């Protein structure tokens, strides 16, 4: 004997109620611009130092101190008066998908593939220009509302020369206050390893400044940053999170009832 239509409809209602009450944690709209550093476009013919398919950016150099909405910050590349130092190395780099370097330790090719899209940022710049350099962006927020920031930190293969001194580390600041360093020491063979981090906070005003600074020790010349998103947390997040276990219980109850009914139907 097959279950009747009334039973099928009843179970569907239970299932939909359970799914409806599972929370949505964020609204999906990235408040940051150029979070994956896809602008400006890195052409295959562009160079920085000895390597192609990359762009170097310099603190204090008008027109070269902004990466598609991210403003460069820090002291690298400028003198005591804040004036650009001629021929100073770039303090932040944007790497294209095809950017490579020779791995002189293994004799292989070292890749720098992004985590998202076709480009990523390196907060160490050319070589490692120190821990005073980075980028920031101001976004419109609403005081008292909750937000979640997610980002990926990249670490280059630590066997390769130039990348052997510890983890890649990035310091996160919110409105000028240090949240903490986020480090990645994991390895991917001859390529960048990307690790995801997230941080939730409540906005203090109608504008929030998000900043990332290089926090990587000298001897490691890569601190990758990619796929940065800032999203407003859904207003239902807190209540829904509390209700989530009961939602799962409701779904489990519905499934149990359906199995039980089907077994009785088969026995009939």
Protein backbone atom coordinates (compact mmCIF):
# COMPACT_ATOMS: atom_id res chain seq x y z
CA UNK A 1 0.00 0.00 0.00
CA UNK A 2 1.48 3.38 -1.07
CA UNK A 3 1.28 6.45 1.19
CA UNK A 4 -1.64 8.68 0.27
CA UNK A 5 -1.42 12.19 -1.17
CA UNK A 6 -2.38 13.68 2.19
CA UNK A 7 0.68 12.18 3.82
CA UNK A 8 2.93 13.41 0.99
CA UNK A 9 1.65 16.95 1.28
CA UNK A 10 1.98 16.89 5.05
CA UNK A 11 5.59 15.81 4.91
CA UNK A 12 6.36 18.44 2.29
CA UNK A 13 5.00 21.12 4.63
CA UNK A 14 7.20 19.86 7.48
CA UNK A 15 10.26 19.82 5.20
CA UNK A 16 9.66 23.32 3.90
CA UNK A 17 9.15 24.68 7.39
CA UNK A 18 12.49 23.20 8.42
CA UNK A 19 14.33 24.61 5.43
CA UNK A 20 12.72 28.02 5.85
CA UNK A 21 13.99 28.35 9.40
CA UNK A 22 17.65 27.57 8.58
CA UNK A 23 19.42 30.95 8.85
CA UNK A 24 21.04 33.07 6.20
CA UNK A 25 24.23 34.45 7.74
CA UNK A 26 24.89 37.35 5.37
CA UNK A 27 23.13 39.21 2.58
CA UNK A 28 25.70 38.24 -0.08
CA UNK A 29 26.49 41.82 -1.15
CA UNK A 30 30.19 42.69 -0.96
CA UNK A 31 30.51 46.24 0.37
CA UNK A 32 34.16 46.43 -0.68
CA UNK A 33 35.18 47.29 -4.23
CA UNK A 34 37.83 45.32 -6.09
CA UNK A 35 37.96 42.65 -3.39
CA UNK A 36 39.79 40.23 -5.69
CA UNK A 37 42.20 42.86 -7.08
CA UNK A 38 40.99 42.45 -10.65
CA UNK A 39 41.57 46.17 -11.33
CA UNK A 40 43.69 47.54 -12.84
CA UNK A 41 44.14 44.70 -15.32
CA UNK A 42 47.65 43.24 -15.33
CA UNK A 43 48.73 42.71 -18.92
CA UNK A 44 51.10 39.89 -19.88
CA UNK A 45 53.57 42.54 -21.07
CA UNK A 46 53.71 44.44 -17.79
CA UNK A 47 56.80 44.07 -15.62
CA UNK A 48 58.04 44.82 -12.12
CA UNK A 49 61.69 44.18 -11.45
CA UNK A 50 62.93 41.18 -13.39
CA UNK A 51 59.53 39.54 -13.77
CA UNK A 52 56.57 39.92 -16.12
CA UNK A 53 52.78 39.87 -15.61
CA UNK A 54 52.78 42.04 -12.50
CA UNK A 55 52.21 45.64 -11.44
CA UNK A 56 54.10 47.48 -8.69
CA UNK A 57 52.49 50.24 -6.61
CA UNK A 58 54.31 52.93 -4.65
CA UNK A 59 53.39 54.83 -1.48
CA UNK A 60 53.20 58.58 -1.92
CA UNK A 61 53.23 58.49 -5.72
CA UNK A 62 50.07 60.17 -6.98
CA UNK A 63 48.30 57.96 -9.48
CA UNK A 64 50.29 54.91 -8.41
CA UNK A 65 49.17 54.66 -4.80
CA UNK A 66 45.65 53.31 -5.39
CA UNK A 67 44.75 49.76 -6.46
CA UNK A 68 41.25 49.97 -7.89
CA UNK A 69 39.81 51.54 -4.74
CA UNK A 70 42.38 50.28 -2.22
CA UNK A 71 44.57 53.13 -0.96
CA UNK A 72 48.21 52.33 -0.18
CA UNK A 73 49.37 53.14 3.34
CA UNK A 74 52.72 52.97 5.13
CA UNK A 75 56.19 54.48 5.11
CA UNK A 76 58.00 52.37 2.53
CA UNK A 77 59.25 54.17 -0.57
CA UNK A 78 59.10 57.65 0.97
CA UNK A 79 61.65 59.77 2.81
CA UNK A 80 61.30 61.35 6.25
CA UNK A 81 59.18 64.14 4.80
CA UNK A 82 56.80 61.74 3.14
CA UNK A 83 58.14 62.41 -0.35
CA UNK A 84 58.59 59.50 -2.79
CA UNK A 85 62.09 58.04 -2.95
CA UNK A 86 63.30 57.84 -6.58
CA UNK A 87 63.57 54.28 -7.91
CA UNK A 88 62.31 52.80 -4.65
CA UNK A 89 60.97 49.22 -4.90
CA UNK A 90 57.20 48.81 -5.06
CA UNK A 91 55.67 48.41 -1.62
CA UNK A 92 52.65 46.42 -2.84
CA UNK A 93 52.32 44.30 -5.97
CA UNK A 94 49.43 42.92 -7.98
CA UNK A 95 50.22 39.62 -9.66
CA UNK A 96 48.55 38.30 -12.77
CA UNK A 97 47.52 34.67 -13.25
CA UNK A 98 50.56 33.96 -15.44
CA UNK A 99 53.13 35.43 -13.04
CA UNK A 100 55.93 32.92 -12.37
CA UNK A 101 59.41 32.79 -10.88
CA UNK A 102 62.14 30.15 -11.11
CA UNK A 103 62.48 27.92 -8.07
CA UNK A 104 66.25 27.90 -7.77
CA UNK A 105 66.09 25.33 -4.98
CA UNK A 106 64.27 22.61 -6.90
CA UNK A 107 64.88 23.72 -10.48
CA UNK A 108 61.13 23.86 -11.07
CA UNK A 109 58.78 26.77 -11.89
CA UNK A 110 57.18 28.62 -9.00
CA UNK A 111 53.57 29.63 -9.68
CA UNK A 112 51.56 32.41 -8.03
CA UNK A 113 48.00 31.51 -8.95
CA UNK A 114 45.30 33.67 -7.30
CA UNK A 115 42.62 32.27 -5.02
CA UNK A 116 39.86 33.98 -6.98
CA UNK A 117 39.68 35.47 -10.45
CA UNK A 118 42.82 36.28 -12.42
CA UNK A 119 44.83 38.48 -10.00
CA UNK A 120 45.90 38.77 -6.37
CA UNK A 121 47.87 41.17 -4.18
CA UNK A 122 51.25 40.69 -2.49
CA UNK A 123 51.62 42.96 0.53
CA UNK A 124 55.37 42.41 0.82
CA UNK A 125 55.94 44.26 -2.47
CA UNK A 126 59.22 43.77 -4.33
CA UNK A 127 61.30 41.66 -1.99
CA UNK A 128 59.91 42.35 1.46
CA UNK A 129 59.50 46.06 2.05
CA UNK A 130 58.68 45.76 5.74
CA UNK A 131 55.73 45.79 8.08
CA UNK A 132 54.67 49.40 7.68
CA UNK A 133 53.08 48.91 4.27
CA UNK A 134 49.62 47.85 3.22
CA UNK A 135 46.25 48.92 1.86
CA UNK A 136 42.99 50.28 3.22
CA UNK A 137 39.45 50.98 2.07
CA UNK A 138 36.61 52.97 3.66
CA UNK A 139 33.09 51.57 3.27
CA UNK A 140 29.64 52.84 4.19
CA UNK A 141 28.17 50.96 7.15
CA UNK A 142 25.35 51.41 9.67
CA UNK A 143 26.25 51.94 13.32
CA UNK A 144 25.08 49.05 15.47
CA UNK A 145 24.70 46.55 12.65
CA UNK A 146 26.85 43.45 12.41
CA UNK A 147 29.22 42.65 9.55
CA UNK A 148 31.47 39.77 8.59
CA UNK A 149 34.79 40.23 6.80
CA UNK A 150 36.31 37.27 4.95
CA UNK A 151 39.66 37.12 3.19
CA UNK A 152 42.30 34.67 2.01
CA UNK A 153 45.97 34.78 3.01
CA UNK A 154 48.49 33.24 0.60
CA UNK A 155 51.74 31.50 1.51
CA UNK A 156 54.32 30.54 -1.11
CA UNK A 157 56.05 27.13 -1.16
CA UNK A 158 58.55 27.35 1.70
CA UNK A 159 61.16 25.13 0.06
CA UNK A 160 61.81 27.83 -2.57
CA UNK A 161 64.59 30.34 -1.97
CA UNK A 162 63.18 33.69 -0.87
CA UNK A 163 60.17 32.13 0.84
CA UNK A 164 61.80 30.04 3.55
CA UNK A 165 61.53 32.19 6.66
CA UNK A 166 58.27 31.29 8.35
CA UNK A 167 54.62 31.98 7.70
CA UNK A 168 53.05 34.61 5.51
CA UNK A 169 51.27 36.99 7.85
CA UNK A 170 48.84 39.89 7.41
CA UNK A 171 47.71 42.28 10.14
CA UNK A 172 44.04 43.32 10.01
CA UNK A 173 42.93 46.71 11.32
CA UNK A 174 39.33 47.90 11.70
CA UNK A 175 38.97 51.67 12.14
CA UNK A 176 42.64 51.91 13.05
CA UNK A 177 42.46 49.26 15.76
CA UNK A 178 44.54 46.11 15.41
CA UNK A 179 42.34 43.05 15.29
CA UNK A 180 45.29 40.69 15.06
CA UNK A 181 47.69 38.98 12.71
CA UNK A 182 46.42 36.22 10.44
CA UNK A 183 49.11 33.77 9.38
CA UNK A 184 49.40 30.91 6.92
CA UNK A 185 52.36 28.51 6.88
CA UNK A 186 50.77 25.73 4.83
CA UNK A 187 52.43 24.58 1.62
CA UNK A 188 51.25 23.71 -1.87
CA UNK A 189 53.86 22.23 -4.20
CA UNK A 190 55.43 25.00 -6.33
CA UNK A 191 52.40 27.27 -5.88
CA UNK A 192 50.59 29.50 -3.41
CA UNK A 193 48.60 27.91 -0.60
CA UNK A 194 45.49 29.95 0.22
CA UNK A 195 43.82 29.85 3.64
CA UNK A 196 40.49 31.54 4.42
CA UNK A 197 39.90 33.70 7.49
CA UNK A 198 36.87 35.61 8.75
CA UNK A 199 36.14 38.24 11.38
CA UNK A 200 32.77 39.49 12.61
CA UNK A 201 32.22 42.88 14.18
CA UNK A 202 29.62 45.56 14.93
CA UNK A 203 30.02 48.84 13.05
CA UNK A 204 30.72 51.84 15.27
CA UNK A 205 29.65 54.52 12.77
CA UNK A 206 28.39 55.18 9.25
CA UNK A 207 31.87 54.52 7.84
CA UNK A 208 34.24 51.66 8.56
CA UNK A 209 37.88 51.56 7.45
CA UNK A 210 39.29 48.12 6.68
CA UNK A 211 43.10 47.92 6.45
CA UNK A 212 45.57 45.11 5.80
CA UNK A 213 49.29 45.52 6.53
CA UNK A 214 52.17 43.21 5.74
CA UNK A 215 53.17 41.33 8.90
CA UNK A 216 55.61 38.86 7.32
CA UNK A 217 59.17 38.53 8.63
CA UNK A 218 62.12 39.38 6.41
CA UNK A 219 63.33 36.36 4.50
CA UNK A 220 59.85 35.50 3.29
CA UNK A 221 58.97 37.66 0.31
CA UNK A 222 55.29 36.90 -0.13
CA UNK A 223 52.13 37.76 1.80
CA UNK A 224 49.24 37.05 -0.54
CA UNK A 225 45.82 38.62 -0.14
CA UNK A 226 42.78 37.79 -2.27
CA UNK A 227 39.00 37.44 -2.38
CA UNK A 228 38.23 40.00 0.35
CA UNK A 229 34.53 40.44 1.13
CA UNK A 230 32.61 42.52 3.66
CA UNK A 231 28.95 41.65 4.09
CA UNK A 232 26.20 42.84 6.38
CA UNK A 233 24.91 40.05 8.58
CA UNK A 234 21.23 39.26 8.08
CA UNK A 235 19.00 40.83 10.79
CA UNK A 236 17.56 37.34 11.41
CA UNK A 237 20.99 35.86 12.00
CA UNK A 238 20.96 35.84 15.82
CA UNK A 239 17.41 34.58 16.25
CA UNK A 240 17.77 32.06 13.46
CA UNK A 241 21.03 30.76 14.86
CA UNK A 242 19.33 30.06 18.17
CA UNK A 243 16.51 28.30 16.34
CA UNK A 244 18.80 26.29 14.09
CA UNK A 245 19.03 23.14 16.29
CA UNK A 246 15.24 22.97 16.48
CA UNK A 247 15.12 23.35 12.71
CA UNK A 248 17.35 20.32 12.33
CA UNK A 249 15.20 18.43 14.86
CA UNK A 250 12.08 19.33 12.88
CA UNK A 251 13.65 18.00 9.69
CA UNK A 252 14.74 14.83 11.48
CA UNK A 253 11.26 14.31 12.91
CA UNK A 254 9.71 14.68 9.47
CA UNK A 255 12.11 12.19 7.94
CA UNK A 256 11.52 9.70 10.76
CA UNK A 257 7.75 9.94 10.34
CA UNK A 258 8.04 9.44 6.59
CA UNK A 259 10.24 6.31 6.97
CA UNK A 260 7.92 4.91 9.60
CA UNK A 261 4.86 5.48 7.43
CA UNK A 262 6.53 3.97 4.37
CA UNK A 263 7.50 0.86 6.36
CA UNK A 264 3.92 0.44 7.59
CA UNK A 265 2.71 0.95 4.03
CA UNK A 266 5.05 -1.73 2.72
CA UNK A 267 3.94 -4.16 5.42
CA UNK A 268 0.31 -3.63 4.40
